[in-house]
Each structure stands twice: as C-alpha cells, then as structure tokens.
Amino acid sequence: MISVTKLNGAQMWLNAIMIETVEETPDTYVTLVTGKRIIVLEKAAEIIAMINEYYSEIGIHAATIKVQQTEELS
C-alpha cells in the first residue's frame, strides 16, 4: 500500500498493484485497474517512486527486471 493525499487533505492508502496509470495535467490523477480515478496532491514522480519502492519491498520489481532481461535475450 502507498499513502497519498486527497485534495481535501485527507490521507488515503492505495494498493499499488491496482494502479494502472498516473498522469499529471497539472493535477495528478491516479487511475486504478477498476477504472476509478482519484485526484491527489502528490506529483506523478512521487507516486511512481512510491510504487517502485513498494514493488521492491514485496519483490515484484526484481522479478519484473529479470523477465525483461530474459525477453531481451530471446
């Protein structure tokens, strides 16, 4: 889970695995795989860093890199 701040200042925890896209236009929108969109105060780069950190903590990031390297060798 990652912590984000909604526009009203309330903290919200999101399941990072459920995040499909993050866009900044200039507000930061987080779109979940369910289609739900949430506007947050954090910048897109901050959200992406939190997602990468979370993936590293649970071991997904390393597995993704290994798969990409294997595909490149094929």
Protein backbone atom coordinates (compact mmCIF):
# COMPACT_ATOMS: atom_id res chain seq x y z
CA MET A 1 0.00 0.00 0.00
CA ILE A 2 1.12 3.55 -0.67
CA SER A 3 -0.05 6.71 1.08
CA VAL A 4 -1.48 9.58 -0.97
CA THR A 5 -3.23 12.82 -0.04
CA LYS A 6 -6.65 13.66 -1.47
CA LEU A 7 -7.48 17.27 -2.41
CA ASN A 8 -9.27 17.83 0.92
CA GLY A 9 -6.04 16.94 2.77
CA ALA A 10 -7.22 13.50 3.92
CA GLN A 11 -4.69 10.69 3.76
CA MET A 12 -5.66 7.65 1.70
CA TRP A 13 -3.93 4.31 1.25
CA LEU A 14 -3.92 2.73 -2.22
CA ASN A 15 -2.98 -0.77 -3.26
CA ALA A 16 -0.05 -0.02 -5.59
CA ILE A 17 -0.69 -3.18 -7.58
CA MET A 18 -4.13 -1.84 -8.55
CA ILE A 19 -2.72 1.36 -10.08
CA GLU A 20 -2.94 1.35 -13.86
CA THR A 21 -1.82 4.89 -14.75
CA VAL A 22 -0.56 8.08 -13.12
CA GLU A 23 -0.87 11.33 -15.04
CA GLU A 24 -0.17 14.97 -14.27
CA THR A 25 -2.31 17.50 -16.18
CA PRO A 26 -1.46 19.68 -13.97
CA ASP A 27 -3.44 17.88 -11.24
CA THR A 28 -2.20 14.37 -10.53
CA TYR A 29 -4.71 11.67 -11.45
CA VAL A 30 -4.27 8.08 -10.32
CA THR A 31 -6.33 5.60 -12.34
CA LEU A 32 -6.96 2.16 -10.88
CA VAL A 33 -7.47 -1.02 -12.90
CA THR A 34 -11.15 -0.80 -11.90
CA GLY A 35 -11.43 2.48 -13.85
CA LYS A 36 -11.80 4.63 -10.74
CA ARG A 37 -9.82 7.91 -10.94
CA ILE A 38 -8.52 9.75 -7.89
CA ILE A 39 -7.03 13.26 -7.81
CA VAL A 40 -4.13 13.55 -5.35
CA LEU A 41 -1.80 16.32 -4.15
CA GLU A 42 1.45 14.39 -4.77
CA LYS A 43 3.29 14.85 -8.07
CA ALA A 44 3.38 11.94 -10.54
CA ALA A 45 7.11 11.38 -9.95
CA GLU A 46 6.47 10.97 -6.20
CA ILE A 47 3.71 8.42 -6.83
CA ILE A 48 5.89 6.45 -9.25
CA ALA A 49 8.76 6.43 -6.74
CA MET A 50 6.41 5.13 -4.03
CA ILE A 51 5.13 2.40 -6.38
CA ASN A 52 8.69 1.33 -7.27
CA GLU A 53 9.67 1.28 -3.59
CA TYR A 54 6.61 -0.82 -2.74
CA TYR A 55 7.37 -3.25 -5.59
CA SER A 56 10.95 -3.57 -4.35
CA GLU A 57 9.73 -4.29 -0.81
CA ILE A 58 7.50 -7.14 -1.93
CA GLY A 59 9.91 -8.49 -4.56
CA ILE A 60 7.91 -7.71 -7.70
CA HIS A 61 10.37 -5.16 -9.08
CA ALA A 62 13.27 -7.62 -9.21
CA ALA A 63 11.07 -10.26 -10.85
CA THR A 64 9.93 -7.76 -13.50
CA ILE A 65 13.51 -6.79 -14.33
CA LYS A 66 14.53 -10.45 -14.62
CA VAL A 67 11.65 -11.18 -17.02
CA GLN A 68 12.54 -8.15 -19.17
CA GLN A 69 16.19 -9.26 -19.36
CA THR A 70 15.16 -12.79 -20.34
CA GLU A 71 12.85 -11.46 -23.08
CA GLU A 72 15.64 -9.25 -24.46
CA LEU A 73 17.89 -12.30 -24.84
CA SER A 74 15.31 -14.15 -26.94
